[in-house]
Amino acid sequence: MPLLIRPTVREDLPALKTLIDVTGLFPSEMLDEMTAGYFAAAGEDAWLTGDEDGPGAVAYFAPERMTEGTWNLYLIAVRPERQGSGLGTALLRRVEETLAACGGRILLVETSGLPEFGRTRAFYRRRGYDEEARIRDFYRAGEDKVVFRKALGRPENRPLAQ
């Protein structure tokens, strides 16, 4: 079945909670609160689901308050058995395309500086993200926050989204 990247729907939540649990990103119980505003259409937050034979990947991104065109990618996760297959790249590319089409200028991504997140940092570097900042001991003593940045292009050079 071909990959479909689509807006997340409420019915995806059980599968996405399982995905969050197996990737160990954060307690999956937080997902209900994280998606509440999105499902209530109470903001600009966006959720995309990568679906092949069910939700296998998810991305969550939102605008940075008090900026013009700066967005944060707060979450991208892929089922472990699908990591390295291009699903994460396709999902990230869709996030970038979506933001560029609506005038997004910059996408920021933050992750841990711990050695076990080296593969994650390499993923962003290979996709054109530059390490913009490192905040030492941010998450806890010995665990830095690493912020990556990618310019999404000049919106005036692109046609408006249909």
C-alpha atoms as a PDB file:
ATOM      1  CA  MET A   1       0.000   0.000   0.000  1.00  0.00           C
ATOM      2  CA  PRO A   2       1.435   3.444  -0.923  1.00  0.00           C
ATOM      3  CA  LEU A   3       2.326   5.989   1.711  1.00  0.00           C
ATOM      4  CA  LEU A   4      -0.367   8.533   2.453  1.00  0.00           C
ATOM      5  CA  ILE A   5       0.544  11.615   4.458  1.00  0.00           C
ATOM      6  CA  ARG A   6      -2.609  13.245   5.724  1.00  0.00           C
ATOM      7  CA  PRO A   7      -3.912  15.423   8.527  1.00  0.00           C
ATOM      8  CA  THR A   8      -4.213  13.480  11.755  1.00  0.00           C
ATOM      9  CA  VAL A   9      -7.744  12.525  12.778  1.00  0.00           C
ATOM     10  CA  ARG A  10      -9.043  11.681  16.244  1.00  0.00           C
ATOM     11  CA  GLU A  11      -9.365   8.001  15.270  1.00  0.00           C
ATOM     12  CA  ASP A  12      -5.569   7.874  14.833  1.00  0.00           C
ATOM     13  CA  LEU A  13      -4.910   8.514  18.536  1.00  0.00           C
ATOM     14  CA  PRO A  14      -4.847   4.879  19.776  1.00  0.00           C
ATOM     15  CA  ALA A  15      -2.337   3.882  17.080  1.00  0.00           C
ATOM     16  CA  LEU A  16      -0.296   7.040  17.635  1.00  0.00           C
ATOM     17  CA  LYS A  17      -0.162   6.385  21.382  1.00  0.00           C
ATOM     18  CA  THR A  18       1.240   2.933  20.624  1.00  0.00           C
ATOM     19  CA  LEU A  19       3.772   4.534  18.282  1.00  0.00           C
ATOM     20  CA  ILE A  20       4.811   7.011  20.995  1.00  0.00           C
ATOM     21  CA  ASP A  21       5.122   4.165  23.515  1.00  0.00           C
ATOM     22  CA  VAL A  22       7.366   2.033  21.290  1.00  0.00           C
ATOM     23  CA  THR A  23       9.608   4.970  20.405  1.00  0.00           C
ATOM     24  CA  GLY A  24       9.803   6.084  24.046  1.00  0.00           C
ATOM     25  CA  LEU A  25       9.685   9.783  23.222  1.00  0.00           C
ATOM     26  CA  PHE A  26       7.403  10.776  26.089  1.00  0.00           C
ATOM     27  CA  PRO A  27       4.485   9.291  28.037  1.00  0.00           C
ATOM     28  CA  SER A  28       1.753   8.621  25.474  1.00  0.00           C
ATOM     29  CA  GLU A  29      -0.925   9.825  27.904  1.00  0.00           C
ATOM     30  CA  MET A  30       0.263  13.340  27.044  1.00  0.00           C
ATOM     31  CA  LEU A  31      -1.013  12.939  23.483  1.00  0.00           C
ATOM     32  CA  ASP A  32      -4.637  13.688  24.403  1.00  0.00           C
ATOM     33  CA  GLU A  33      -3.711  17.062  25.883  1.00  0.00           C
ATOM     34  CA  MET A  34      -1.232  17.825  23.087  1.00  0.00           C
ATOM     35  CA  THR A  35      -3.859  17.288  20.383  1.00  0.00           C
ATOM     36  CA  ALA A  36      -6.813  18.897  22.196  1.00  0.00           C
ATOM     37  CA  GLY A  37      -6.408  22.351  20.631  1.00  0.00           C
ATOM     38  CA  TYR A  38      -5.806  20.870  17.191  1.00  0.00           C
ATOM     39  CA  PHE A  39      -8.998  18.826  17.283  1.00  0.00           C
ATOM     40  CA  ALA A  40     -10.922  21.807  18.633  1.00  0.00           C
ATOM     41  CA  ALA A  41      -9.510  23.922  15.770  1.00  0.00           C
ATOM     42  CA  ALA A  42      -8.366  26.357  18.434  1.00  0.00           C
ATOM     43  CA  GLY A  43      -5.012  27.316  16.975  1.00  0.00           C
ATOM     44  CA  GLU A  44      -2.501  26.947  14.176  1.00  0.00           C
ATOM     45  CA  ASP A  45      -0.947  23.726  15.455  1.00  0.00           C
ATOM     46  CA  ALA A  46      -0.701  21.041  12.791  1.00  0.00           C
ATOM     47  CA  TRP A  47      -0.523  17.256  12.998  1.00  0.00           C
ATOM     48  CA  LEU A  48       0.281  14.959  10.079  1.00  0.00           C
ATOM     49  CA  THR A  49       0.091  11.178  10.038  1.00  0.00           C
ATOM     50  CA  GLY A  50       2.056   8.917   7.715  1.00  0.00           C
ATOM     51  CA  ASP A  51      -0.236   6.031   6.873  1.00  0.00           C
ATOM     52  CA  GLU A  52       0.525   2.878   4.912  1.00  0.00           C
ATOM     53  CA  ASP A  53      -1.453   0.085   6.505  1.00  0.00           C
ATOM     54  CA  GLY A  54      -2.337   2.230   9.501  1.00  0.00           C
ATOM     55  CA  PRO A  55      -0.628   5.160  11.219  1.00  0.00           C
ATOM     56  CA  GLY A  56       3.104   4.502  11.132  1.00  0.00           C
ATOM     57  CA  ALA A  57       4.490   7.983  11.622  1.00  0.00           C
ATOM     58  CA  VAL A  58       3.425  11.319  13.060  1.00  0.00           C
ATOM     59  CA  ALA A  59       4.605  14.925  12.987  1.00  0.00           C
ATOM     60  CA  TYR A  60       3.483  17.844  15.133  1.00  0.00           C
ATOM     61  CA  PHE A  61       4.468  21.420  14.317  1.00  0.00           C
ATOM     62  CA  ALA A  62       3.301  24.841  15.395  1.00  0.00           C
ATOM     63  CA  PRO A  63       4.176  28.491  14.846  1.00  0.00           C
ATOM     64  CA  GLU A  64       6.573  30.207  17.198  1.00  0.00           C
ATOM     65  CA  ARG A  65       4.654  32.930  18.972  1.00  0.00           C
ATOM     66  CA  MET A  66       5.668  36.544  18.405  1.00  0.00           C
ATOM     67  CA  THR A  67       7.528  35.755  15.153  1.00  0.00           C
ATOM     68  CA  GLU A  68       6.761  36.048  11.464  1.00  0.00           C
ATOM     69  CA  GLY A  69       6.963  32.712   9.693  1.00  0.00           C
ATOM     70  CA  THR A  70       9.018  30.778  12.255  1.00  0.00           C
ATOM     71  CA  TRP A  71       7.745  27.314  13.127  1.00  0.00           C
ATOM     72  CA  ASN A  72       8.795  24.559  15.513  1.00  0.00           C
ATOM     73  CA  LEU A  73       8.718  20.862  14.738  1.00  0.00           C
ATOM     74  CA  TYR A  74       7.866  19.500  18.169  1.00  0.00           C
ATOM     75  CA  LEU A  75       7.492  15.857  17.266  1.00  0.00           C
ATOM     76  CA  ILE A  76       8.334  13.470  14.496  1.00  0.00           C
ATOM     77  CA  ALA A  77       8.163   9.756  15.159  1.00  0.00           C
ATOM     78  CA  VAL A  78       8.296   6.647  12.991  1.00  0.00           C
ATOM     79  CA  ARG A  79       7.568   3.065  13.999  1.00  0.00           C
ATOM     80  CA  PRO A  80      10.916   1.424  14.799  1.00  0.00           C
ATOM     81  CA  GLU A  81      10.507  -1.257  12.127  1.00  0.00           C
ATOM     82  CA  ARG A  82       9.985   1.503   9.520  1.00  0.00           C
ATOM     83  CA  GLN A  83      12.894   3.733  10.573  1.00  0.00           C
ATOM     84  CA  GLY A  84      15.437   4.088   7.786  1.00  0.00           C
ATOM     85  CA  SER A  85      12.816   3.367   5.094  1.00  0.00           C
ATOM     86  CA  GLY A  86      12.279   6.972   4.001  1.00  0.00           C
ATOM     87  CA  LEU A  87       9.011   7.428   5.877  1.00  0.00           C
ATOM     88  CA  GLY A  88      10.480  10.030   8.245  1.00  0.00           C
ATOM     89  CA  THR A  89      12.084  11.881   5.335  1.00  0.00           C
ATOM     90  CA  ALA A  90       8.790  11.936   3.427  1.00  0.00           C
ATOM     91  CA  LEU A  91       6.946  13.209   6.481  1.00  0.00           C
ATOM     92  CA  LEU A  92       9.544  15.914   7.164  1.00  0.00           C
ATOM     93  CA  ARG A  93       9.461  16.967   3.510  1.00  0.00           C
ATOM     94  CA  ARG A  94       5.663  17.322   3.697  1.00  0.00           C
ATOM     95  CA  VAL A  95       5.970  19.482   6.811  1.00  0.00           C
ATOM     96  CA  GLU A  96       8.475  21.726   5.019  1.00  0.00           C
ATOM     97  CA  GLU A  97       6.325  21.938   1.864  1.00  0.00           C
ATOM     98  CA  THR A  98       3.205  22.720   3.882  1.00  0.00           C
ATOM     99  CA  LEU A  99       4.935  25.520   5.751  1.00  0.00           C
ATOM    100  CA  ALA A 100       6.663  26.981   2.696  1.00  0.00           C
ATOM    101  CA  ALA A 101       3.347  27.083   0.833  1.00  0.00           C
ATOM    102  CA  CYS A 102       1.769  29.181   3.586  1.00  0.00           C
ATOM    103  CA  GLY A 103       4.701  31.588   3.992  1.00  0.00           C
ATOM    104  CA  GLY A 104       6.748  29.774   6.615  1.00  0.00           C
ATOM    105  CA  ARG A 105      10.331  31.036   6.605  1.00  0.00           C
ATOM    106  CA  ILE A 106      12.157  28.956   9.189  1.00  0.00           C
ATOM    107  CA  LEU A 107      11.654  25.555  10.773  1.00  0.00           C
ATOM    108  CA  LEU A 108      13.325  24.844  14.120  1.00  0.00           C
ATOM    109  CA  VAL A 109      13.818  21.385  15.593  1.00  0.00           C
ATOM    110  CA  GLU A 110      15.227  20.618  19.011  1.00  0.00           C
ATOM    111  CA  THR A 111      16.600  17.342  20.292  1.00  0.00           C
ATOM    112  CA  SER A 112      18.887  15.950  22.940  1.00  0.00           C
ATOM    113  CA  GLY A 113      22.665  16.177  22.802  1.00  0.00           C
ATOM    114  CA  LEU A 114      23.092  12.721  24.378  1.00  0.00           C
ATOM    115  CA  PRO A 115      25.063  10.141  22.368  1.00  0.00           C
ATOM    116  CA  GLU A 116      21.975   7.965  21.907  1.00  0.00           C
ATOM    117  CA  PHE A 117      20.395  10.826  19.919  1.00  0.00           C
ATOM    118  CA  GLY A 118      23.325  10.968  17.488  1.00  0.00           C
ATOM    119  CA  ARG A 119      21.290   9.204  14.801  1.00  0.00           C
ATOM    120  CA  THR A 120      18.505  11.766  15.232  1.00  0.00           C
ATOM    121  CA  ARG A 121      20.922  14.675  14.870  1.00  0.00           C
ATOM    122  CA  ALA A 122      22.467  13.061  11.785  1.00  0.00           C
ATOM    123  CA  PHE A 123      18.975  12.663  10.294  1.00  0.00           C
ATOM    124  CA  TYR A 124      18.402  16.426  10.450  1.00  0.00           C
ATOM    125  CA  ARG A 125      21.879  17.301   9.189  1.00  0.00           C
ATOM    126  CA  ARG A 126      21.436  15.045   6.135  1.00  0.00           C
ATOM    127  CA  ARG A 127      18.203  16.873   5.346  1.00  0.00           C
ATOM    128  CA  GLY A 128      19.769  20.319   5.273  1.00  0.00           C
ATOM    129  CA  TYR A 129      19.339  21.420   8.892  1.00  0.00           C
ATOM    130  CA  ASP A 130      22.144  23.333  10.574  1.00  0.00           C
ATOM    131  CA  GLU A 131      22.910  23.174  14.265  1.00  0.00           C
ATOM    132  CA  GLU A 132      21.934  26.671  15.347  1.00  0.00           C
ATOM    133  CA  ALA A 133      22.307  26.435  19.112  1.00  0.00           C
ATOM    134  CA  ARG A 134      23.304  24.159  21.938  1.00  0.00           C
ATOM    135  CA  ILE A 135      22.083  24.875  25.437  1.00  0.00           C
ATOM    136  CA  ARG A 136      24.238  23.006  27.903  1.00  0.00           C
ATOM    137  CA  ASP A 137      22.617  20.992  30.685  1.00  0.00           C
ATOM    138  CA  PHE A 138      19.148  22.043  29.483  1.00  0.00           C
ATOM    139  CA  TYR A 139      17.129  18.874  30.088  1.00  0.00           C
ATOM    140  CA  ARG A 140      19.202  17.834  33.102  1.00  0.00           C
ATOM    141  CA  ALA A 141      22.855  17.940  34.158  1.00  0.00           C
ATOM    142  CA  GLY A 142      24.872  16.491  31.290  1.00  0.00           C
ATOM    143  CA  GLU A 143      22.045  16.595  28.716  1.00  0.00           C
ATOM    144  CA  ASP A 144      22.184  19.492  26.278  1.00  0.00           C
ATOM    145  CA  LYS A 145      19.384  20.737  24.069  1.00  0.00           C
ATOM    146  CA  VAL A 146      20.465  20.979  20.428  1.00  0.00           C
ATOM    147  CA  VAL A 147      18.472  23.295  18.168  1.00  0.00           C
ATOM    148  CA  PHE A 148      18.520  22.776  14.408  1.00  0.00           C
ATOM    149  CA  ARG A 149      17.357  25.349  11.859  1.00  0.00           C
ATOM    150  CA  LYS A 150      16.372  25.233   8.215  1.00  0.00           C
ATOM    151  CA  ALA A 151      15.357  28.164   6.030  1.00  0.00           C
ATOM    152  CA  LEU A 152      12.264  27.216   4.059  1.00  0.00           C
ATOM    153  CA  GLY A 153      12.840  29.631   1.207  1.00  0.00           C
ATOM    154  CA  ARG A 154      11.400  32.900   0.111  1.00  0.00           C
ATOM    155  CA  PRO A 155       7.603  32.743  -0.052  1.00  0.00           C
ATOM    156  CA  GLU A 156       7.389  35.553  -2.620  1.00  0.00           C
ATOM    157  CA  ASN A 157       9.125  33.237  -5.123  1.00  0.00           C
ATOM    158  CA  ARG A 158       6.485  30.507  -4.788  1.00  0.00           C
ATOM    159  CA  PRO A 159       2.934  30.353  -6.060  1.00  0.00           C
ATOM    160  CA  LEU A 160       0.193  30.519  -3.443  1.00  0.00           C
ATOM    161  CA  ALA A 161      -1.165  27.211  -2.191  1.00  0.00           C
ATOM    162  CA  GLN A 162      -4.474  26.186  -3.736  1.00  0.00           C
END
